[in-house]
Amino acid sequence: DVFLRFLQPNAPRLILDLGCGYGPIGIILARLYPQAHVVMADKDMLAVRYARINLAHNNITNADVVGSVGMESVPDEP
């Protein structure tokens, strides 16, 4: 609840979760903003794997996970 109170009420089109780990924040954001596309990125490929598994388990279709060191492999558009 504390985290969600700091989010802006405007509906974003694209959200980046840099350093997503296994994906809890990206999954919450994808559910909170179903019209947005969430790009989740992490340099740890095991974290990327678990984030993808968690997206599938939570039926999240408006998010992708990429392996990336910083912004290196993050797409500009969904």
PDB file of N, CA and C in Angstrom:
ATOM      1  N   ASP A   1       0.807  -1.193   0.000  1.00  0.00           N
ATOM      2  CA  ASP A   1       0.000   0.000   0.000  1.00  0.00           C
ATOM      3  C   ASP A   1       0.856   1.267   0.000  1.00  0.00           C
ATOM      4  N   VAL A   2       1.918   1.263   0.760  1.00  0.00           N
ATOM      5  CA  VAL A   2       2.785   2.443   0.816  1.00  0.00           C
ATOM      6  C   VAL A   2       3.359   2.724  -0.563  1.00  0.00           C
ATOM      7  N   PHE A   3       3.826   1.681  -1.240  1.00  0.00           N
ATOM      8  CA  PHE A   3       4.392   1.840  -2.580  1.00  0.00           C
ATOM      9  C   PHE A   3       3.363   2.419  -3.544  1.00  0.00           C
ATOM     10  N   LEU A   4       2.150   1.896  -3.529  1.00  0.00           N
ATOM     11  CA  LEU A   4       1.118   2.324  -4.459  1.00  0.00           C
ATOM     12  C   LEU A   4       0.689   3.765  -4.240  1.00  0.00           C
ATOM     13  N   ARG A   5       0.802   4.277  -3.029  1.00  0.00           N
ATOM     14  CA  ARG A   5       0.416   5.666  -2.752  1.00  0.00           C
ATOM     15  C   ARG A   5       1.326   6.673  -3.446  1.00  0.00           C
ATOM     16  N   PHE A   6       2.545   6.276  -3.768  1.00  0.00           N
ATOM     17  CA  PHE A   6       3.485   7.192  -4.399  1.00  0.00           C
ATOM     18  C   PHE A   6       3.386   7.204  -5.922  1.00  0.00           C
ATOM     19  N   LEU A   7       2.571   6.332  -6.495  1.00  0.00           N
ATOM     20  CA  LEU A   7       2.409   6.302  -7.944  1.00  0.00           C
ATOM     21  C   LEU A   7       1.528   7.457  -8.398  1.00  0.00           C
ATOM     22  N   GLN A   8       1.833   7.978  -9.563  1.00  0.00           N
ATOM     23  CA  GLN A   8       1.031   9.070 -10.106  1.00  0.00           C
ATOM     24  C   GLN A   8      -0.283   8.517 -10.642  1.00  0.00           C
ATOM     25  N   PRO A   9      -1.359   9.286 -10.556  1.00  0.00           N
ATOM     26  CA  PRO A   9      -2.655   8.808 -11.019  1.00  0.00           C
ATOM     27  C   PRO A   9      -2.782   8.761 -12.542  1.00  0.00           C
ATOM     28  N   ASN A  10      -1.904   9.451 -13.287  1.00  0.00           N
ATOM     29  CA  ASN A  10      -1.973   9.430 -14.745  1.00  0.00           C
ATOM     30  C   ASN A  10      -1.624   8.038 -15.255  1.00  0.00           C
ATOM     31  N   ALA A  11      -2.315   7.625 -16.288  1.00  0.00           N
ATOM     32  CA  ALA A  11      -2.091   6.290 -16.834  1.00  0.00           C
ATOM     33  C   ALA A  11      -0.921   6.311 -17.820  1.00  0.00           C
ATOM     34  N   PRO A  12       0.181   5.658 -17.495  1.00  0.00           N
ATOM     35  CA  PRO A  12       1.331   5.625 -18.407  1.00  0.00           C
ATOM     36  C   PRO A  12       1.102   4.633 -19.542  1.00  0.00           C
ATOM     37  N   ARG A  13       1.834   4.827 -20.637  1.00  0.00           N
ATOM     38  CA  ARG A  13       1.773   3.882 -21.759  1.00  0.00           C
ATOM     39  C   ARG A  13       2.901   2.864 -21.686  1.00  0.00           C
ATOM     40  N   LEU A  14       4.035   3.277 -21.143  1.00  0.00           N
ATOM     41  CA  LEU A  14       5.203   2.409 -21.065  1.00  0.00           C
ATOM     42  C   LEU A  14       5.836   2.551 -19.687  1.00  0.00           C
ATOM     43  N   ILE A  15       6.124   1.432 -19.050  1.00  0.00           N
ATOM     44  CA  ILE A  15       6.713   1.424 -17.710  1.00  0.00           C
ATOM     45  C   ILE A  15       7.967   0.559 -17.744  1.00  0.00           C
ATOM     46  N   LEU A  16       9.046   1.039 -17.133  1.00  0.00           N
ATOM     47  CA  LEU A  16      10.283   0.275 -17.043  1.00  0.00           C
ATOM     48  C   LEU A  16      10.539  -0.110 -15.594  1.00  0.00           C
ATOM     49  N   ASP A  17      10.773  -1.395 -15.375  1.00  0.00           N
ATOM     50  CA  ASP A  17      11.179  -1.909 -14.065  1.00  0.00           C
ATOM     51  C   ASP A  17      12.616  -2.390 -14.226  1.00  0.00           C
ATOM     52  N   LEU A  18      13.567  -1.494 -13.982  1.00  0.00           N
ATOM     53  CA  LEU A  18      14.989  -1.792 -14.151  1.00  0.00           C
ATOM     54  C   LEU A  18      15.515  -2.444 -12.879  1.00  0.00           C
ATOM     55  N   GLY A  19      16.131  -3.605 -13.019  1.00  0.00           N
ATOM     56  CA  GLY A  19      16.551  -4.376 -11.848  1.00  0.00           C
ATOM     57  C   GLY A  19      15.360  -5.099 -11.261  1.00  0.00           C
ATOM     58  N   CYS A  20      14.577  -5.727 -12.122  1.00  0.00           N
ATOM     59  CA  CYS A  20      13.275  -6.288 -11.733  1.00  0.00           C
ATOM     60  C   CYS A  20      13.352  -7.489 -10.801  1.00  0.00           C
ATOM     61  N   GLY A  21      14.506  -8.140 -10.724  1.00  0.00           N
ATOM     62  CA  GLY A  21      14.570  -9.346  -9.900  1.00  0.00           C
ATOM     63  C   GLY A  21      13.591 -10.387 -10.409  1.00  0.00           C
ATOM     64  N   TYR A  22      12.859 -11.021  -9.514  1.00  0.00           N
ATOM     65  CA  TYR A  22      11.904 -12.051  -9.929  1.00  0.00           C
ATOM     66  C   TYR A  22      10.556 -11.466 -10.347  1.00  0.00           C
ATOM     67  N   GLY A  23      10.410 -10.127 -10.324  1.00  0.00           N
ATOM     68  CA  GLY A  23       9.273  -9.470 -10.935  1.00  0.00           C
ATOM     69  C   GLY A  23       8.129  -8.951 -10.099  1.00  0.00           C
ATOM     70  N   PRO A  24       8.214  -8.873  -8.767  1.00  0.00           N
ATOM     71  CA  PRO A  24       7.026  -8.480  -8.001  1.00  0.00           C
ATOM     72  C   PRO A  24       6.521  -7.070  -8.314  1.00  0.00           C
ATOM     73  N   ILE A  25       7.417  -6.119  -8.478  1.00  0.00           N
ATOM     74  CA  ILE A  25       6.976  -4.742  -8.738  1.00  0.00           C
ATOM     75  C   ILE A  25       6.412  -4.622 -10.145  1.00  0.00           C
ATOM     76  N   GLY A  26       7.084  -5.214 -11.123  1.00  0.00           N
ATOM     77  CA  GLY A  26       6.584  -5.180 -12.498  1.00  0.00           C
ATOM     78  C   GLY A  26       5.217  -5.818 -12.629  1.00  0.00           C
ATOM     79  N   ILE A  27       4.996  -6.905 -11.915  1.00  0.00           N
ATOM     80  CA  ILE A  27       3.700  -7.580 -11.952  1.00  0.00           C
ATOM     81  C   ILE A  27       2.616  -6.692 -11.344  1.00  0.00           C
ATOM     82  N   ILE A  28       2.911  -6.057 -10.238  1.00  0.00           N
ATOM     83  CA  ILE A  28       1.945  -5.132  -9.623  1.00  0.00           C
ATOM     84  C   ILE A  28       1.628  -3.986 -10.577  1.00  0.00           C
ATOM     85  N   LEU A  29       2.662  -3.414 -11.198  1.00  0.00           N
ATOM     86  CA  LEU A  29       2.446  -2.301 -12.124  1.00  0.00           C
ATOM     87  C   LEU A  29       1.647  -2.743 -13.347  1.00  0.00           C
ATOM     88  N   ALA A  30       1.915  -3.938 -13.857  1.00  0.00           N
ATOM     89  CA  ALA A  30       1.167  -4.447 -15.008  1.00  0.00           C
ATOM     90  C   ALA A  30      -0.310  -4.631 -14.664  1.00  0.00           C
ATOM     91  N   ARG A  31      -0.579  -5.072 -13.464  1.00  0.00           N
ATOM     92  CA  ARG A  31      -1.978  -5.220 -13.034  1.00  0.00           C
ATOM     93  C   ARG A  31      -2.633  -3.867 -12.770  1.00  0.00           C
ATOM     94  N   LEU A  32      -1.885  -2.954 -12.191  1.00  0.00           N
ATOM     95  CA  LEU A  32      -2.415  -1.635 -11.862  1.00  0.00           C
ATOM     96  C   LEU A  32      -2.695  -0.811 -13.117  1.00  0.00           C
ATOM     97  N   TYR A  33      -1.862  -0.989 -14.153  1.00  0.00           N
ATOM     98  CA  TYR A  33      -1.997  -0.246 -15.410  1.00  0.00           C
ATOM     99  C   TYR A  33      -2.125  -1.223 -16.575  1.00  0.00           C
ATOM    100  N   PRO A  34      -3.272  -1.862 -16.749  1.00  0.00           N
ATOM    101  CA  PRO A  34      -3.424  -2.875 -17.802  1.00  0.00           C
ATOM    102  C   PRO A  34      -3.294  -2.316 -19.217  1.00  0.00           C
ATOM    103  N   GLN A  35      -3.489  -1.011 -19.402  1.00  0.00           N
ATOM    104  CA  GLN A  35      -3.360  -0.407 -20.724  1.00  0.00           C
ATOM    105  C   GLN A  35      -1.904  -0.098 -21.062  1.00  0.00           C
ATOM    106  N   ALA A  36      -1.013  -0.186 -20.096  1.00  0.00           N
ATOM    107  CA  ALA A  36       0.410   0.108 -20.305  1.00  0.00           C
ATOM    108  C   ALA A  36       1.166  -1.170 -20.648  1.00  0.00           C
ATOM    109  N   HIS A  37       2.339  -0.985 -21.245  1.00  0.00           N
ATOM    110  CA  HIS A  37       3.249  -2.107 -21.474  1.00  0.00           C
ATOM    111  C   HIS A  37       4.395  -1.964 -20.478  1.00  0.00           C
ATOM    112  N   VAL A  38       4.672  -3.020 -19.740  1.00  0.00           N
ATOM    113  CA  VAL A  38       5.728  -3.010 -18.733  1.00  0.00           C
ATOM    114  C   VAL A  38       6.930  -3.775 -19.275  1.00  0.00           C
ATOM    115  N   VAL A  39       8.085  -3.115 -19.293  1.00  0.00           N
ATOM    116  CA  VAL A  39       9.336  -3.770 -19.657  1.00  0.00           C
ATOM    117  C   VAL A  39      10.107  -3.991 -18.369  1.00  0.00           C
ATOM    118  N   MET A  40      10.378  -5.247 -18.079  1.00  0.00           N
ATOM    119  CA  MET A  40      11.117  -5.616 -16.875  1.00  0.00           C
ATOM    120  C   MET A  40      12.511  -6.060 -17.315  1.00  0.00           C
ATOM    121  N   ALA A  41      13.540  -5.533 -16.665  1.00  0.00           N
ATOM    122  CA  ALA A  41      14.912  -5.839 -17.071  1.00  0.00           C
ATOM    123  C   ALA A  41      15.779  -6.147 -15.860  1.00  0.00           C
ATOM    124  N   ASP A  42      16.673  -7.112 -16.045  1.00  0.00           N
ATOM    125  CA  ASP A  42      17.622  -7.444 -14.989  1.00  0.00           C
ATOM    126  C   ASP A  42      18.876  -8.016 -15.631  1.00  0.00           C
ATOM    127  N   LYS A  43      20.028  -7.804 -14.998  1.00  0.00           N
ATOM    128  CA  LYS A  43      21.287  -8.337 -15.525  1.00  0.00           C
ATOM    129  C   LYS A  43      21.486  -9.801 -15.150  1.00  0.00           C
ATOM    130  N   ASP A  44      20.775 -10.272 -14.152  1.00  0.00           N
ATOM    131  CA  ASP A  44      20.883 -11.651 -13.683  1.00  0.00           C
ATOM    132  C   ASP A  44      19.913 -12.528 -14.483  1.00  0.00           C
ATOM    133  N   MET A  45      20.453 -13.419 -15.300  1.00  0.00           N
ATOM    134  CA  MET A  45      19.599 -14.223 -16.168  1.00  0.00           C
ATOM    135  C   MET A  45      18.709 -15.199 -15.389  1.00  0.00           C
ATOM    136  N   LEU A  46      19.111 -15.600 -14.200  1.00  0.00           N
ATOM    137  CA  LEU A  46      18.238 -16.434 -13.375  1.00  0.00           C
ATOM    138  C   LEU A  46      17.026 -15.619 -12.918  1.00  0.00           C
ATOM    139  N   ALA A  47      17.253 -14.361 -12.557  1.00  0.00           N
ATOM    140  CA  ALA A  47      16.143 -13.476 -12.188  1.00  0.00           C
ATOM    141  C   ALA A  47      15.209 -13.278 -13.377  1.00  0.00           C
ATOM    142  N   VAL A  48      15.773 -13.106 -14.571  1.00  0.00           N
ATOM    143  CA  VAL A  48      14.966 -12.948 -15.788  1.00  0.00           C
ATOM    144  C   VAL A  48      14.093 -14.188 -15.987  1.00  0.00           C
ATOM    145  N   ARG A  49      14.684 -15.346 -15.809  1.00  0.00           N
ATOM    146  CA  ARG A  49      13.928 -16.600 -15.965  1.00  0.00           C
ATOM    147  C   ARG A  49      12.758 -16.660 -14.977  1.00  0.00           C
ATOM    148  N   TYR A  50      13.025 -16.353 -13.708  1.00  0.00           N
ATOM    149  CA  TYR A  50      11.961 -16.402 -12.705  1.00  0.00           C
ATOM    150  C   TYR A  50      10.911 -15.316 -12.935  1.00  0.00           C
ATOM    151  N   ALA A  51      11.323 -14.161 -13.410  1.00  0.00           N
ATOM    152  CA  ALA A  51      10.351 -13.105 -13.713  1.00  0.00           C
ATOM    153  C   ALA A  51       9.413 -13.564 -14.825  1.00  0.00           C
ATOM    154  N   ARG A  52       9.952 -14.224 -15.843  1.00  0.00           N
ATOM    155  CA  ARG A  52       9.105 -14.745 -16.930  1.00  0.00           C
ATOM    156  C   ARG A  52       8.138 -15.807 -16.408  1.00  0.00           C
ATOM    157  N   ILE A  53       8.630 -16.674 -15.558  1.00  0.00           N
ATOM    158  CA  ILE A  53       7.763 -17.698 -14.958  1.00  0.00           C
ATOM    159  C   ILE A  53       6.654 -17.037 -14.141  1.00  0.00           C
ATOM    160  N   ASN A  54       7.004 -16.014 -13.363  1.00  0.00           N
ATOM    161  CA  ASN A  54       6.008 -15.325 -12.539  1.00  0.00           C
ATOM    162  C   ASN A  54       4.988 -14.571 -13.378  1.00  0.00           C
ATOM    163  N   LEU A  55       5.408 -14.009 -14.510  1.00  0.00           N
ATOM    164  CA  LEU A  55       4.439 -13.379 -15.413  1.00  0.00           C
ATOM    165  C   LEU A  55       3.421 -14.414 -15.885  1.00  0.00           C
ATOM    166  N   ALA A  56       3.906 -15.573 -16.286  1.00  0.00           N
ATOM    167  CA  ALA A  56       3.010 -16.627 -16.767  1.00  0.00           C
ATOM    168  C   ALA A  56       2.075 -17.107 -15.655  1.00  0.00           C
ATOM    169  N   HIS A  57       2.605 -17.323 -14.467  1.00  0.00           N
ATOM    170  CA  HIS A  57       1.783 -17.801 -13.342  1.00  0.00           C
ATOM    171  C   HIS A  57       0.709 -16.787 -12.949  1.00  0.00           C
ATOM    172  N   ASN A  58       0.980 -15.511 -13.195  1.00  0.00           N
ATOM    173  CA  ASN A  58       0.030 -14.457 -12.835  1.00  0.00           C
ATOM    174  C   ASN A  58      -0.802 -13.986 -14.021  1.00  0.00           C
ATOM    175  N   ASN A  59      -0.685 -14.691 -15.154  1.00  0.00           N
ATOM    176  CA  ASN A  59      -1.456 -14.363 -16.366  1.00  0.00           C
ATOM    177  C   ASN A  59      -1.277 -12.913 -16.804  1.00  0.00           C
ATOM    178  N   ILE A  60      -0.056 -12.417 -16.710  1.00  0.00           N
ATOM    179  CA  ILE A  60       0.249 -11.050 -17.133  1.00  0.00           C
ATOM    180  C   ILE A  60       0.635 -11.082 -18.606  1.00  0.00           C
ATOM    181  N   THR A  61      -0.105 -10.353 -19.432  1.00  0.00           N
ATOM    182  CA  THR A  61       0.161 -10.351 -20.875  1.00  0.00           C
ATOM    183  C   THR A  61       0.688  -9.012 -21.382  1.00  0.00           C
ATOM    184  N   ASN A  62       0.694  -8.001 -20.539  1.00  0.00           N
ATOM    185  CA  ASN A  62       1.142  -6.674 -20.968  1.00  0.00           C
ATOM    186  C   ASN A  62       2.540  -6.348 -20.446  1.00  0.00           C
ATOM    187  N   ALA A  63       3.384  -7.380 -20.303  1.00  0.00           N
ATOM    188  CA  ALA A  63       4.751  -7.164 -19.819  1.00  0.00           C
ATOM    189  C   ALA A  63       5.705  -8.129 -20.506  1.00  0.00           C
ATOM    190  N   ASP A  64       6.948  -7.688 -20.647  1.00  0.00           N
ATOM    191  CA  ASP A  64       8.030  -8.512 -21.178  1.00  0.00           C
ATOM    192  C   ASP A  64       9.216  -8.394 -20.244  1.00  0.00           C
ATOM    193  N   VAL A  65      10.063  -9.418 -20.255  1.00  0.00           N
ATOM    194  CA  VAL A  65      11.273  -9.414 -19.440  1.00  0.00           C
ATOM    195  C   VAL A  65      12.469  -9.548 -20.370  1.00  0.00           C
ATOM    196  N   VAL A  66      13.481  -8.702 -20.161  1.00  0.00           N
ATOM    197  CA  VAL A  66      14.704  -8.775 -20.960  1.00  0.00           C
ATOM    198  C   VAL A  66      15.910  -8.857 -20.039  1.00  0.00           C
ATOM    199  N   GLY A  67      16.929  -9.556 -20.518  1.00  0.00           N
ATOM    200  CA  GLY A  67      18.212  -9.549 -19.838  1.00  0.00           C
ATOM    201  C   GLY A  67      18.975  -8.329 -20.297  1.00  0.00           C
ATOM    202  N   SER A  68      19.406  -7.485 -19.385  1.00  0.00           N
ATOM    203  CA  SER A  68      20.061  -6.237 -19.769  1.00  0.00           C
ATOM    204  C   SER A  68      20.944  -5.722 -18.643  1.00  0.00           C
ATOM    205  N   VAL A  69      22.106  -5.220 -19.036  1.00  0.00           N
ATOM    206  CA  VAL A  69      22.971  -4.510 -18.093  1.00  0.00           C
ATOM    207  C   VAL A  69      22.604  -3.040 -18.237  1.00  0.00           C
ATOM    208  N   GLY A  70      21.933  -2.509 -17.243  1.00  0.00           N
ATOM    209  CA  GLY A  70      21.429  -1.138 -17.346  1.00  0.00           C
ATOM    210  C   GLY A  70      20.410  -1.053 -18.472  1.00  0.00           C
ATOM    211  N   MET A  71      20.526  -0.008 -19.285  1.00  0.00           N
ATOM    212  CA  MET A  71      19.583   0.228 -20.382  1.00  0.00           C
ATOM    213  C   MET A  71      20.037  -0.417 -21.692  1.00  0.00           C
ATOM    214  N   GLU A  72      21.141  -1.134 -21.652  1.00  0.00           N
ATOM    215  CA  GLU A  72      21.783  -1.670 -22.853  1.00  0.00           C
ATOM    216  C   GLU A  72      20.830  -2.406 -23.802  1.00  0.00           C
ATOM    217  N   SER A  73      20.004  -3.291 -23.301  1.00  0.00           N
ATOM    218  CA  SER A  73      19.115  -4.103 -24.145  1.00  0.00           C
ATOM    219  C   SER A  73      17.642  -3.775 -23.958  1.00  0.00           C
ATOM    220  N   VAL A  74      17.351  -2.659 -23.327  1.00  0.00           N
ATOM    221  CA  VAL A  74      15.963  -2.259 -23.102  1.00  0.00           C
ATOM    222  C   VAL A  74      15.443  -1.593 -24.370  1.00  0.00           C
ATOM    223  N   PRO A  75      14.316  -2.079 -24.908  1.00  0.00           N
ATOM    224  CA  PRO A  75      13.770  -1.476 -26.133  1.00  0.00           C
ATOM    225  C   PRO A  75      13.219  -0.070 -25.879  1.00  0.00           C
ATOM    226  N   ASP A  76      13.285   0.773 -26.912  1.00  0.00           N
ATOM    227  CA  ASP A  76      12.732   2.129 -26.816  1.00  0.00           C
ATOM    228  C   ASP A  76      11.209   2.115 -26.842  1.00  0.00           C
ATOM    229  N   GLU A  77      10.651   1.154 -27.548  1.00  0.00           N
ATOM    230  CA  GLU A  77       9.198   1.014 -27.678  1.00  0.00           C
ATOM    231  C   GLU A  77       8.828  -0.425 -27.349  1.00  0.00           C
ATOM    232  N   PRO A  78       7.579  -0.649 -26.935  1.00  0.00           N
ATOM    233  CA  PRO A  78       7.153  -2.032 -26.630  1.00  0.00           C
ATOM    234  C   PRO A  78       7.159  -2.925 -27.858  1.00  0.00           C
TER     235      PRO A  78
END
